[in-house]
Amino acid sequence: MLVLARKVNQSIIIQDDIEVMILDVQGEQVKIGIKAPKNIKIYRKEIYEEIQKENIRAAQSKLPDDLKKLIEDDEKPQ
């Protein structure tokens, strides 16, 4: 892990197109701004982890028989 010290209005650049700027510091809370291309997904870590858990649950869930049959029929050569 890279650890950097930054002050308000200072930033870091990641690769060529992502900028992370320190906007404000109040006590233990730090406000950051992130400039990145629209195709870059940015999540708070706790939200990202919930998305991953839900994706795993969805992948492990059993499909209803009607839907499973529809998918199997669609995959058969015609």
C-alpha atoms as a PDB file:
ATOM      1  CA  MET A   1       0.000   0.000   0.000  1.00  0.00           C
ATOM      2  CA  LEU A   2       1.265   3.426  -0.910  1.00  0.00           C
ATOM      3  CA  VAL A   3       0.729   5.991   1.861  1.00  0.00           C
ATOM      4  CA  LEU A   4       0.874   9.695   0.997  1.00  0.00           C
ATOM      5  CA  ALA A   5       0.330  12.828   3.072  1.00  0.00           C
ATOM      6  CA  ARG A   6      -1.749  15.524   1.355  1.00  0.00           C
ATOM      7  CA  LYS A   7      -3.202  18.830   2.476  1.00  0.00           C
ATOM      8  CA  VAL A   8      -6.498  20.453   1.483  1.00  0.00           C
ATOM      9  CA  ASN A   9      -6.547  21.299  -2.243  1.00  0.00           C
ATOM     10  CA  GLN A  10      -3.650  18.937  -2.955  1.00  0.00           C
ATOM     11  CA  SER A  11      -4.200  15.885  -5.099  1.00  0.00           C
ATOM     12  CA  ILE A  12      -2.703  12.706  -6.468  1.00  0.00           C
ATOM     13  CA  ILE A  13      -2.897  11.400 -10.025  1.00  0.00           C
ATOM     14  CA  ILE A  14      -3.491   7.730 -10.805  1.00  0.00           C
ATOM     15  CA  GLN A  15      -2.301   6.737 -14.248  1.00  0.00           C
ATOM     16  CA  ASP A  16      -3.064   9.593 -16.634  1.00  0.00           C
ATOM     17  CA  ASP A  17      -6.749  10.192 -16.078  1.00  0.00           C
ATOM     18  CA  ILE A  18      -7.764   9.806 -12.422  1.00  0.00           C
ATOM     19  CA  GLU A  19      -7.255  12.623  -9.950  1.00  0.00           C
ATOM     20  CA  VAL A  20      -7.993  12.312  -6.236  1.00  0.00           C
ATOM     21  CA  MET A  21      -8.123  15.652  -4.415  1.00  0.00           C
ATOM     22  CA  ILE A  22      -8.423  16.427  -0.713  1.00  0.00           C
ATOM     23  CA  LEU A  23     -11.306  18.894  -0.413  1.00  0.00           C
ATOM     24  CA  ASP A  24     -11.747  19.294   3.338  1.00  0.00           C
ATOM     25  CA  VAL A  25     -10.633  17.851   6.662  1.00  0.00           C
ATOM     26  CA  GLN A  26     -12.840  18.153   9.747  1.00  0.00           C
ATOM     27  CA  GLY A  27     -11.726  16.123  12.746  1.00  0.00           C
ATOM     28  CA  GLU A  28     -11.515  12.491  11.639  1.00  0.00           C
ATOM     29  CA  GLN A  29     -13.524  13.046   8.452  1.00  0.00           C
ATOM     30  CA  VAL A  30     -11.801  13.736   5.149  1.00  0.00           C
ATOM     31  CA  LYS A  31     -13.747  14.837   2.079  1.00  0.00           C
ATOM     32  CA  ILE A  32     -12.192  13.787  -1.189  1.00  0.00           C
ATOM     33  CA  GLY A  33     -13.073  14.530  -4.779  1.00  0.00           C
ATOM     34  CA  ILE A  34     -12.382  12.129  -7.612  1.00  0.00           C
ATOM     35  CA  LYS A  35     -12.108  13.125 -11.279  1.00  0.00           C
ATOM     36  CA  ALA A  36     -12.189  10.087 -13.539  1.00  0.00           C
ATOM     37  CA  PRO A  37     -13.559   9.072 -16.941  1.00  0.00           C
ATOM     38  CA  LYS A  38     -17.249   8.155 -16.906  1.00  0.00           C
ATOM     39  CA  ASN A  39     -16.434   4.523 -17.728  1.00  0.00           C
ATOM     40  CA  ILE A  40     -14.554   4.141 -14.416  1.00  0.00           C
ATOM     41  CA  LYS A  41     -16.841   2.843 -11.678  1.00  0.00           C
ATOM     42  CA  ILE A  42     -16.206   4.359  -8.262  1.00  0.00           C
ATOM     43  CA  TYR A  43     -17.847   2.955  -5.118  1.00  0.00           C
ATOM     44  CA  ARG A  44     -17.461   3.362  -1.388  1.00  0.00           C
ATOM     45  CA  LYS A  45     -15.879   0.132  -0.184  1.00  0.00           C
ATOM     46  CA  GLU A  46     -18.888  -0.994   1.879  1.00  0.00           C
ATOM     47  CA  ILE A  47     -21.181  -0.546  -1.137  1.00  0.00           C
ATOM     48  CA  TYR A  48     -18.742  -2.407  -3.407  1.00  0.00           C
ATOM     49  CA  GLU A  49     -18.615  -5.323  -0.947  1.00  0.00           C
ATOM     50  CA  GLU A  50     -22.437  -5.488  -0.831  1.00  0.00           C
ATOM     51  CA  ILE A  51     -22.584  -5.555  -4.636  1.00  0.00           C
ATOM     52  CA  GLN A  52     -20.062  -8.412  -4.696  1.00  0.00           C
ATOM     53  CA  LYS A  53     -22.033 -10.394  -2.083  1.00  0.00           C
ATOM     54  CA  GLU A  54     -25.262  -9.902  -4.016  1.00  0.00           C
ATOM     55  CA  ASN A  55     -23.576 -11.010  -7.263  1.00  0.00           C
ATOM     56  CA  ILE A  56     -22.350 -14.174  -5.538  1.00  0.00           C
ATOM     57  CA  ARG A  57     -25.820 -14.872  -4.110  1.00  0.00           C
ATOM     58  CA  ALA A  58     -27.401 -14.341  -7.523  1.00  0.00           C
ATOM     59  CA  ALA A  59     -24.894 -16.673  -9.201  1.00  0.00           C
ATOM     60  CA  GLN A  60     -25.537 -19.372  -6.605  1.00  0.00           C
ATOM     61  CA  SER A  61     -29.334 -19.122  -6.599  1.00  0.00           C
ATOM     62  CA  LYS A  62     -31.358 -21.789  -8.274  1.00  0.00           C
ATOM     63  CA  LEU A  63     -33.353 -20.786 -11.301  1.00  0.00           C
ATOM     64  CA  PRO A  64     -37.064 -21.564 -11.338  1.00  0.00           C
ATOM     65  CA  ASP A  65     -37.754 -24.655 -13.453  1.00  0.00           C
ATOM     66  CA  ASP A  66     -39.660 -22.670 -16.099  1.00  0.00           C
ATOM     67  CA  LEU A  67     -36.776 -20.241 -16.556  1.00  0.00           C
ATOM     68  CA  LYS A  68     -34.190 -23.041 -16.566  1.00  0.00           C
ATOM     69  CA  LYS A  69     -36.146 -24.858 -19.312  1.00  0.00           C
ATOM     70  CA  LEU A  70     -36.417 -21.662 -21.353  1.00  0.00           C
ATOM     71  CA  ILE A  71     -32.644 -21.121 -21.157  1.00  0.00           C
ATOM     72  CA  GLU A  72     -31.894 -24.760 -22.021  1.00  0.00           C
ATOM     73  CA  ASP A  73     -34.284 -24.640 -24.996  1.00  0.00           C
ATOM     74  CA  ASP A  74     -32.657 -21.433 -26.199  1.00  0.00           C
ATOM     75  CA  GLU A  75     -29.179 -23.037 -26.075  1.00  0.00           C
ATOM     76  CA  LYS A  76     -30.202 -26.067 -28.181  1.00  0.00           C
ATOM     77  CA  PRO A  77     -29.023 -25.982 -31.811  1.00  0.00           C
ATOM     78  CA  GLN A  78     -31.818 -25.204 -34.199  1.00  0.00           C
END
